[in-house]
N, C-alpha and C. Protein backbone atom coordinates (compact mmCIF):
# COMPACT_ATOMS: atom_id res chain seq x y z
N UNK A 1 68.86 60.49 -46.79
CA UNK A 1 68.47 60.95 -45.46
C UNK A 1 69.70 60.90 -44.55
N UNK A 2 69.92 61.97 -43.83
CA UNK A 2 71.07 62.02 -42.94
C UNK A 2 70.69 61.56 -41.55
N UNK A 3 71.69 61.11 -40.81
CA UNK A 3 71.46 60.66 -39.44
C UNK A 3 71.43 61.86 -38.50
N UNK A 4 70.66 61.74 -37.45
CA UNK A 4 70.41 62.86 -36.53
C UNK A 4 71.35 62.82 -35.32
N UNK A 5 72.61 62.56 -35.52
CA UNK A 5 73.53 62.49 -34.38
C UNK A 5 73.60 63.83 -33.66
N UNK A 6 73.51 63.78 -32.33
CA UNK A 6 73.71 64.92 -31.45
C UNK A 6 72.74 66.07 -31.71
N UNK A 7 71.58 65.78 -32.27
CA UNK A 7 70.55 66.80 -32.46
C UNK A 7 69.57 66.67 -31.30
N UNK A 8 69.42 67.73 -30.54
CA UNK A 8 68.69 67.67 -29.27
C UNK A 8 67.18 67.74 -29.42
N UNK A 9 66.69 68.56 -30.33
CA UNK A 9 65.25 68.78 -30.42
C UNK A 9 64.83 69.07 -31.84
N UNK A 10 63.52 69.06 -32.05
CA UNK A 10 62.97 69.40 -33.36
C UNK A 10 62.81 70.92 -33.44
N UNK A 11 63.13 71.49 -34.59
CA UNK A 11 63.02 72.94 -34.74
C UNK A 11 61.63 73.37 -35.18
N UNK A 12 60.87 72.49 -35.78
CA UNK A 12 59.48 72.74 -36.19
C UNK A 12 59.36 73.96 -37.10
N UNK A 13 60.40 74.25 -37.87
CA UNK A 13 60.41 75.36 -38.85
C UNK A 13 60.05 76.69 -38.22
N UNK A 14 60.55 76.94 -37.01
CA UNK A 14 60.24 78.17 -36.29
C UNK A 14 61.51 78.73 -35.64
N UNK A 15 61.57 80.04 -35.47
CA UNK A 15 62.67 80.60 -34.68
C UNK A 15 62.52 80.20 -33.22
N UNK A 16 63.58 80.32 -32.47
CA UNK A 16 63.62 79.82 -31.10
C UNK A 16 62.50 80.38 -30.23
N UNK A 17 62.30 81.68 -30.26
CA UNK A 17 61.28 82.30 -29.42
C UNK A 17 59.88 81.79 -29.73
N UNK A 18 59.57 81.67 -31.00
CA UNK A 18 58.25 81.18 -31.40
C UNK A 18 58.06 79.72 -31.00
N UNK A 19 59.11 78.93 -31.15
CA UNK A 19 59.04 77.51 -30.80
C UNK A 19 58.83 77.34 -29.29
N UNK A 20 59.55 78.11 -28.49
CA UNK A 20 59.39 78.01 -27.05
C UNK A 20 58.00 78.48 -26.61
N UNK A 21 57.51 79.55 -27.22
CA UNK A 21 56.16 80.03 -26.90
C UNK A 21 55.12 78.98 -27.28
N UNK A 22 55.30 78.33 -28.42
CA UNK A 22 54.39 77.27 -28.85
C UNK A 22 54.36 76.14 -27.83
N UNK A 23 55.54 75.70 -27.39
CA UNK A 23 55.61 74.60 -26.42
C UNK A 23 54.99 75.00 -25.08
N UNK A 24 55.22 76.25 -24.64
CA UNK A 24 54.64 76.70 -23.38
C UNK A 24 53.12 76.70 -23.46
N UNK A 25 52.58 77.20 -24.57
CA UNK A 25 51.13 77.23 -24.73
C UNK A 25 50.56 75.82 -24.82
N UNK A 26 51.22 74.95 -25.54
CA UNK A 26 50.70 73.59 -25.72
C UNK A 26 50.74 72.79 -24.42
N UNK A 27 51.82 72.91 -23.66
CA UNK A 27 51.91 72.15 -22.41
C UNK A 27 50.91 72.68 -21.38
N UNK A 28 50.66 73.98 -21.40
CA UNK A 28 49.65 74.54 -20.52
C UNK A 28 48.27 73.99 -20.88
N UNK A 29 47.97 73.94 -22.17
CA UNK A 29 46.68 73.39 -22.61
C UNK A 29 46.58 71.90 -22.30
N UNK A 30 47.67 71.16 -22.44
CA UNK A 30 47.65 69.73 -22.15
C UNK A 30 47.29 69.48 -20.70
N UNK A 31 47.91 70.21 -19.78
CA UNK A 31 47.61 70.01 -18.37
C UNK A 31 46.24 70.55 -17.99
N UNK A 32 45.78 71.56 -18.72
CA UNK A 32 44.47 72.15 -18.42
C UNK A 32 43.34 71.23 -18.86
N UNK A 33 43.45 70.65 -20.05
CA UNK A 33 42.36 69.85 -20.62
C UNK A 33 42.60 68.35 -20.58
N UNK A 34 43.83 67.91 -20.36
CA UNK A 34 44.10 66.48 -20.28
C UNK A 34 44.46 65.84 -21.61
N UNK A 35 44.03 66.43 -22.71
CA UNK A 35 44.36 65.91 -24.04
C UNK A 35 44.21 67.02 -25.07
N UNK A 36 45.10 67.01 -26.08
CA UNK A 36 44.99 67.97 -27.17
C UNK A 36 45.32 67.27 -28.47
N UNK A 37 44.84 67.83 -29.56
CA UNK A 37 45.11 67.31 -30.90
C UNK A 37 46.07 68.26 -31.59
N UNK A 38 47.13 67.71 -32.16
CA UNK A 38 48.15 68.52 -32.83
C UNK A 38 48.84 67.66 -33.88
N UNK A 39 49.86 68.21 -34.52
CA UNK A 39 50.60 67.41 -35.50
C UNK A 39 51.53 66.44 -34.77
N UNK A 40 51.91 65.39 -35.44
CA UNK A 40 52.74 64.36 -34.82
C UNK A 40 54.10 64.89 -34.35
N UNK A 41 54.85 65.65 -35.14
CA UNK A 41 56.14 66.17 -34.63
C UNK A 41 55.98 67.09 -33.42
N UNK A 42 54.93 67.92 -33.42
CA UNK A 42 54.70 68.79 -32.27
C UNK A 42 54.36 67.96 -31.03
N UNK A 43 53.58 66.90 -31.21
CA UNK A 43 53.22 66.05 -30.08
C UNK A 43 54.45 65.36 -29.51
N UNK A 44 55.34 64.90 -30.37
CA UNK A 44 56.55 64.22 -29.89
C UNK A 44 57.46 65.19 -29.13
N UNK A 45 57.53 66.42 -29.58
CA UNK A 45 58.34 67.41 -28.89
C UNK A 45 57.67 67.85 -27.58
N UNK A 46 56.35 67.95 -27.61
CA UNK A 46 55.59 68.33 -26.42
C UNK A 46 55.73 67.29 -25.32
N UNK A 47 55.83 66.03 -25.70
CA UNK A 47 55.97 64.96 -24.71
C UNK A 47 57.19 65.20 -23.82
N UNK A 48 58.29 65.65 -24.40
CA UNK A 48 59.51 65.90 -23.63
C UNK A 48 59.27 66.96 -22.56
N UNK A 49 58.61 68.05 -22.94
CA UNK A 49 58.37 69.15 -22.01
C UNK A 49 57.41 68.71 -20.91
N UNK A 50 56.34 68.03 -21.30
CA UNK A 50 55.32 67.63 -20.33
C UNK A 50 55.87 66.63 -19.32
N UNK A 51 56.66 65.67 -19.78
CA UNK A 51 57.19 64.65 -18.88
C UNK A 51 58.14 65.28 -17.86
N UNK A 52 58.92 66.26 -18.29
CA UNK A 52 59.83 66.94 -17.36
C UNK A 52 59.06 67.70 -16.29
N UNK A 53 57.97 68.35 -16.70
CA UNK A 53 57.17 69.10 -15.72
C UNK A 53 56.49 68.18 -14.72
N UNK A 54 56.00 67.04 -15.17
CA UNK A 54 55.38 66.09 -14.24
C UNK A 54 56.43 65.58 -13.26
N UNK A 55 57.64 65.35 -13.73
CA UNK A 55 58.71 64.89 -12.84
C UNK A 55 59.05 65.95 -11.79
N UNK A 56 59.07 67.21 -12.20
CA UNK A 56 59.32 68.30 -11.24
C UNK A 56 58.21 68.32 -10.19
N UNK A 57 56.97 68.16 -10.62
CA UNK A 57 55.84 68.16 -9.68
C UNK A 57 55.91 66.96 -8.75
N UNK A 58 56.35 65.81 -9.27
CA UNK A 58 56.49 64.62 -8.43
C UNK A 58 57.57 64.83 -7.37
N UNK A 59 58.65 65.51 -7.72
CA UNK A 59 59.69 65.80 -6.74
C UNK A 59 59.15 66.66 -5.62
N UNK A 60 58.33 67.66 -5.97
CA UNK A 60 57.74 68.52 -4.95
C UNK A 60 56.77 67.73 -4.09
N UNK A 61 56.04 66.81 -4.69
CA UNK A 61 55.08 65.99 -3.94
C UNK A 61 55.80 65.05 -2.97
N UNK A 62 57.02 64.64 -3.33
CA UNK A 62 57.77 63.70 -2.51
C UNK A 62 58.46 64.36 -1.32
N UNK A 63 58.56 65.69 -1.32
CA UNK A 63 59.21 66.39 -0.20
C UNK A 63 58.32 66.26 1.03
N UNK A 64 58.88 65.67 2.07
CA UNK A 64 58.13 65.43 3.31
C UNK A 64 58.43 66.54 4.31
N UNK A 65 57.52 66.78 5.22
CA UNK A 65 57.77 67.72 6.30
C UNK A 65 57.22 69.10 6.04
N UNK A 66 57.26 69.91 7.09
CA UNK A 66 56.71 71.25 7.01
C UNK A 66 57.71 72.30 7.48
N UNK A 67 58.97 71.94 7.56
CA UNK A 67 59.97 72.91 8.02
C UNK A 67 60.18 73.95 6.93
N UNK A 68 60.91 74.98 7.28
CA UNK A 68 61.16 76.06 6.34
C UNK A 68 61.95 75.58 5.13
N UNK A 69 62.86 74.62 5.36
CA UNK A 69 63.68 74.11 4.26
C UNK A 69 62.83 73.32 3.27
N UNK A 70 61.91 72.49 3.77
CA UNK A 70 61.05 71.73 2.87
C UNK A 70 60.09 72.64 2.10
N UNK A 71 59.58 73.66 2.76
CA UNK A 71 58.70 74.61 2.08
C UNK A 71 59.45 75.35 0.98
N UNK A 72 60.72 75.66 1.24
CA UNK A 72 61.54 76.34 0.24
C UNK A 72 61.78 75.43 -0.97
N UNK A 73 61.98 74.13 -0.72
CA UNK A 73 62.16 73.19 -1.83
C UNK A 73 60.91 73.12 -2.69
N UNK A 74 59.74 73.02 -2.04
CA UNK A 74 58.48 72.96 -2.80
C UNK A 74 58.27 74.24 -3.60
N UNK A 75 58.58 75.38 -3.00
CA UNK A 75 58.45 76.65 -3.70
C UNK A 75 59.39 76.70 -4.91
N UNK A 76 60.59 76.19 -4.74
CA UNK A 76 61.56 76.16 -5.83
C UNK A 76 61.02 75.34 -7.01
N UNK A 77 60.44 74.18 -6.72
CA UNK A 77 59.89 73.34 -7.79
C UNK A 77 58.71 74.03 -8.47
N UNK A 78 57.88 74.73 -7.71
CA UNK A 78 56.75 75.44 -8.30
C UNK A 78 57.22 76.58 -9.19
N UNK A 79 58.28 77.26 -8.78
CA UNK A 79 58.82 78.35 -9.61
C UNK A 79 59.43 77.80 -10.89
N UNK A 80 60.07 76.63 -10.80
CA UNK A 80 60.60 76.01 -12.01
C UNK A 80 59.48 75.70 -12.99
N UNK A 81 58.36 75.20 -12.49
CA UNK A 81 57.23 74.88 -13.36
C UNK A 81 56.60 76.15 -13.93
N UNK A 82 56.54 77.20 -13.13
CA UNK A 82 55.93 78.45 -13.62
C UNK A 82 56.78 79.14 -14.68
N UNK A 83 58.07 78.78 -14.78
CA UNK A 83 58.88 79.32 -15.86
C UNK A 83 58.36 78.85 -17.21
N UNK A 84 57.69 77.69 -17.22
CA UNK A 84 57.20 77.11 -18.47
C UNK A 84 55.70 77.33 -18.63
N UNK A 85 54.94 77.09 -17.58
CA UNK A 85 53.48 77.16 -17.67
C UNK A 85 53.00 78.61 -17.74
N UNK A 86 51.90 78.82 -18.43
CA UNK A 86 51.36 80.17 -18.64
C UNK A 86 50.35 80.58 -17.57
N UNK A 87 49.70 79.60 -16.93
CA UNK A 87 48.63 79.93 -15.99
C UNK A 87 48.93 79.35 -14.62
N UNK A 88 48.71 80.17 -13.60
CA UNK A 88 48.98 79.73 -12.23
C UNK A 88 48.03 78.61 -11.81
N UNK A 89 46.76 78.67 -12.23
CA UNK A 89 45.82 77.63 -11.84
C UNK A 89 46.17 76.28 -12.47
N UNK A 90 46.79 76.30 -13.64
CA UNK A 90 47.25 75.04 -14.25
C UNK A 90 48.42 74.48 -13.45
N UNK A 91 49.30 75.35 -12.95
CA UNK A 91 50.40 74.90 -12.10
C UNK A 91 49.86 74.26 -10.83
N UNK A 92 48.84 74.86 -10.24
CA UNK A 92 48.23 74.30 -9.04
C UNK A 92 47.64 72.93 -9.34
N UNK A 93 46.97 72.81 -10.48
CA UNK A 93 46.40 71.51 -10.88
C UNK A 93 47.51 70.47 -11.07
N UNK A 94 48.61 70.87 -11.70
CA UNK A 94 49.74 69.96 -11.91
C UNK A 94 50.28 69.43 -10.59
N UNK A 95 50.46 70.32 -9.62
CA UNK A 95 51.08 69.93 -8.35
C UNK A 95 50.10 69.23 -7.41
N UNK A 96 48.81 69.59 -7.46
CA UNK A 96 47.84 69.05 -6.50
C UNK A 96 47.08 67.84 -7.02
N UNK A 97 46.85 67.74 -8.34
CA UNK A 97 46.07 66.63 -8.89
C UNK A 97 46.90 65.67 -9.72
N UNK A 98 47.69 66.19 -10.63
CA UNK A 98 48.39 65.33 -11.60
C UNK A 98 49.57 64.62 -10.96
N UNK A 99 50.41 65.32 -10.21
CA UNK A 99 51.60 64.70 -9.61
C UNK A 99 51.26 63.57 -8.65
N UNK A 100 50.28 63.71 -7.74
CA UNK A 100 49.95 62.58 -6.86
C UNK A 100 49.44 61.36 -7.62
N UNK A 101 48.79 61.60 -8.77
CA UNK A 101 48.26 60.50 -9.57
C UNK A 101 49.39 59.64 -10.13
N UNK A 102 50.55 60.25 -10.40
CA UNK A 102 51.68 59.52 -10.98
C UNK A 102 52.79 59.26 -9.97
N UNK A 103 52.49 59.32 -8.69
CA UNK A 103 53.52 59.18 -7.65
C UNK A 103 54.27 57.86 -7.74
N UNK A 104 53.57 56.77 -8.09
CA UNK A 104 54.21 55.46 -8.15
C UNK A 104 54.63 55.07 -9.56
N UNK A 105 54.40 55.93 -10.52
CA UNK A 105 54.72 55.61 -11.92
C UNK A 105 56.13 56.11 -12.24
N UNK A 106 57.00 55.26 -12.79
CA UNK A 106 58.39 55.66 -13.03
C UNK A 106 58.62 56.45 -14.31
N UNK A 107 57.59 56.88 -14.98
CA UNK A 107 57.74 57.64 -16.22
C UNK A 107 56.62 57.28 -17.17
N UNK A 108 56.61 57.88 -18.35
CA UNK A 108 55.59 57.58 -19.32
C UNK A 108 54.24 58.12 -18.91
N UNK A 109 54.17 59.43 -18.68
CA UNK A 109 52.94 60.05 -18.19
C UNK A 109 52.02 60.47 -19.33
N UNK A 110 52.52 60.45 -20.56
CA UNK A 110 51.71 60.86 -21.70
C UNK A 110 51.62 59.74 -22.72
N UNK A 111 50.60 59.82 -23.54
CA UNK A 111 50.39 58.84 -24.62
C UNK A 111 50.13 59.62 -25.90
N UNK A 112 50.77 59.19 -27.00
CA UNK A 112 50.55 59.80 -28.30
C UNK A 112 49.85 58.77 -29.17
N UNK A 113 48.68 59.15 -29.70
CA UNK A 113 47.92 58.27 -30.58
C UNK A 113 47.83 58.94 -31.94
N UNK A 114 48.36 58.29 -32.97
CA UNK A 114 48.28 58.84 -34.31
C UNK A 114 46.86 58.73 -34.82
N UNK A 115 46.38 59.79 -35.47
CA UNK A 115 45.05 59.77 -36.04
C UNK A 115 45.11 59.21 -37.46
N UNK A 116 44.04 58.59 -37.89
CA UNK A 116 44.04 57.90 -39.18
C UNK A 116 44.07 58.88 -40.35
N UNK A 117 43.37 59.98 -40.21
CA UNK A 117 43.28 60.93 -41.32
C UNK A 117 44.25 62.09 -41.13
N UNK A 118 44.97 62.45 -42.20
CA UNK A 118 45.84 63.63 -42.10
C UNK A 118 45.00 64.91 -42.11
N UNK A 119 45.63 66.02 -41.77
CA UNK A 119 44.94 67.31 -41.77
C UNK A 119 44.54 67.66 -43.20
N UNK A 120 43.35 68.21 -43.35
CA UNK A 120 42.79 68.43 -44.67
C UNK A 120 43.59 69.44 -45.50
N UNK A 121 44.04 70.52 -44.89
CA UNK A 121 44.68 71.58 -45.66
C UNK A 121 46.03 71.21 -46.25
N UNK A 122 46.91 70.59 -45.42
CA UNK A 122 48.27 70.33 -45.88
C UNK A 122 48.68 68.86 -45.74
N UNK A 123 47.75 68.00 -45.38
CA UNK A 123 48.00 66.55 -45.25
C UNK A 123 49.06 66.24 -44.20
N UNK A 124 49.12 67.06 -43.14
CA UNK A 124 50.07 66.79 -42.06
C UNK A 124 49.54 65.64 -41.20
N UNK A 125 50.46 64.78 -40.74
CA UNK A 125 50.07 63.69 -39.84
C UNK A 125 49.61 64.28 -38.52
N UNK A 126 48.43 63.88 -38.08
CA UNK A 126 47.85 64.41 -36.85
C UNK A 126 47.92 63.36 -35.75
N UNK A 127 47.93 63.84 -34.50
CA UNK A 127 48.01 62.95 -33.36
C UNK A 127 47.29 63.58 -32.18
N UNK A 128 46.87 62.72 -31.26
CA UNK A 128 46.29 63.17 -30.00
C UNK A 128 47.31 62.85 -28.92
N UNK A 129 47.66 63.83 -28.11
CA UNK A 129 48.54 63.58 -26.97
C UNK A 129 47.70 63.77 -25.72
N UNK A 130 47.77 62.81 -24.80
CA UNK A 130 46.93 62.84 -23.62
C UNK A 130 47.71 62.34 -22.41
N UNK A 131 47.23 62.71 -21.25
CA UNK A 131 47.81 62.21 -20.01
C UNK A 131 47.28 60.81 -19.75
N UNK A 132 48.15 59.90 -19.36
CA UNK A 132 47.77 58.52 -19.13
C UNK A 132 46.93 58.45 -17.86
N UNK A 133 45.86 57.68 -17.91
CA UNK A 133 44.93 57.60 -16.78
C UNK A 133 45.14 56.39 -15.90
N UNK A 134 45.29 55.22 -16.51
CA UNK A 134 45.31 53.99 -15.71
C UNK A 134 46.62 53.82 -14.95
N UNK A 135 46.55 53.01 -13.92
CA UNK A 135 47.74 52.74 -13.10
C UNK A 135 48.65 51.76 -13.84
N UNK A 136 49.86 51.60 -13.33
CA UNK A 136 50.82 50.69 -13.92
C UNK A 136 50.34 49.26 -13.69
N UNK A 137 50.30 48.49 -14.77
CA UNK A 137 49.87 47.10 -14.66
C UNK A 137 51.07 46.22 -14.37
N UNK A 138 50.86 45.26 -13.50
CA UNK A 138 51.94 44.31 -13.22
C UNK A 138 51.93 43.23 -14.28
N UNK A 139 53.11 42.77 -14.64
CA UNK A 139 53.21 41.73 -15.66
C UNK A 139 52.70 40.41 -15.11
N UNK A 140 52.00 39.68 -15.98
CA UNK A 140 51.50 38.37 -15.58
C UNK A 140 52.64 37.37 -15.62
N UNK A 141 52.61 36.43 -14.69
CA UNK A 141 53.61 35.38 -14.70
C UNK A 141 53.23 34.36 -15.77
N UNK A 142 54.22 33.94 -16.52
CA UNK A 142 53.95 32.93 -17.54
C UNK A 142 53.86 31.56 -16.88
N UNK A 143 52.84 30.84 -17.29
CA UNK A 143 52.66 29.51 -16.73
C UNK A 143 53.45 28.51 -17.56
N UNK A 144 53.94 27.51 -16.90
CA UNK A 144 54.68 26.46 -17.60
C UNK A 144 53.72 25.56 -18.37
N UNK A 145 54.30 24.62 -19.11
CA UNK A 145 53.47 23.67 -19.88
C UNK A 145 52.70 22.77 -18.92
N UNK A 146 51.47 22.51 -19.27
CA UNK A 146 50.64 21.63 -18.43
C UNK A 146 50.93 20.18 -18.77
N UNK A 147 51.00 19.37 -17.76
CA UNK A 147 51.21 17.93 -18.01
C UNK A 147 49.86 17.24 -17.99
N UNK A 148 49.69 16.26 -18.85
CA UNK A 148 48.41 15.53 -18.93
C UNK A 148 48.45 14.26 -18.17
């Protein structure tokens, strides 16, 4: 097995155009439904695209004010997201519902759960990728040893 130095992404045995179309369709479905089932390598690659889009939406959500410059910034972020997303209503959901939900979260907006059974036809490892629901939990303080 060779090491993957300086390899940016998974090719998923597809030409570039097909791979990009696959990712655009999958990320649109992920934001539309909240969770999708796919193969493990596709889910890992999809996570990269989805996390970047949530970050773009968070940047737009963080822009304060109503001046022309702030409106232009928000429009710019929405256009960046629409370059990837297939449906305008999914973009609206991303910016109005999903981004405010993760406003205080520093990353990790998706979760990948491996499924126990492989796909029946070709035994591919399957996974569920979903948007994380719960808020960030604060770490508990460790208590010292109790004295008797």
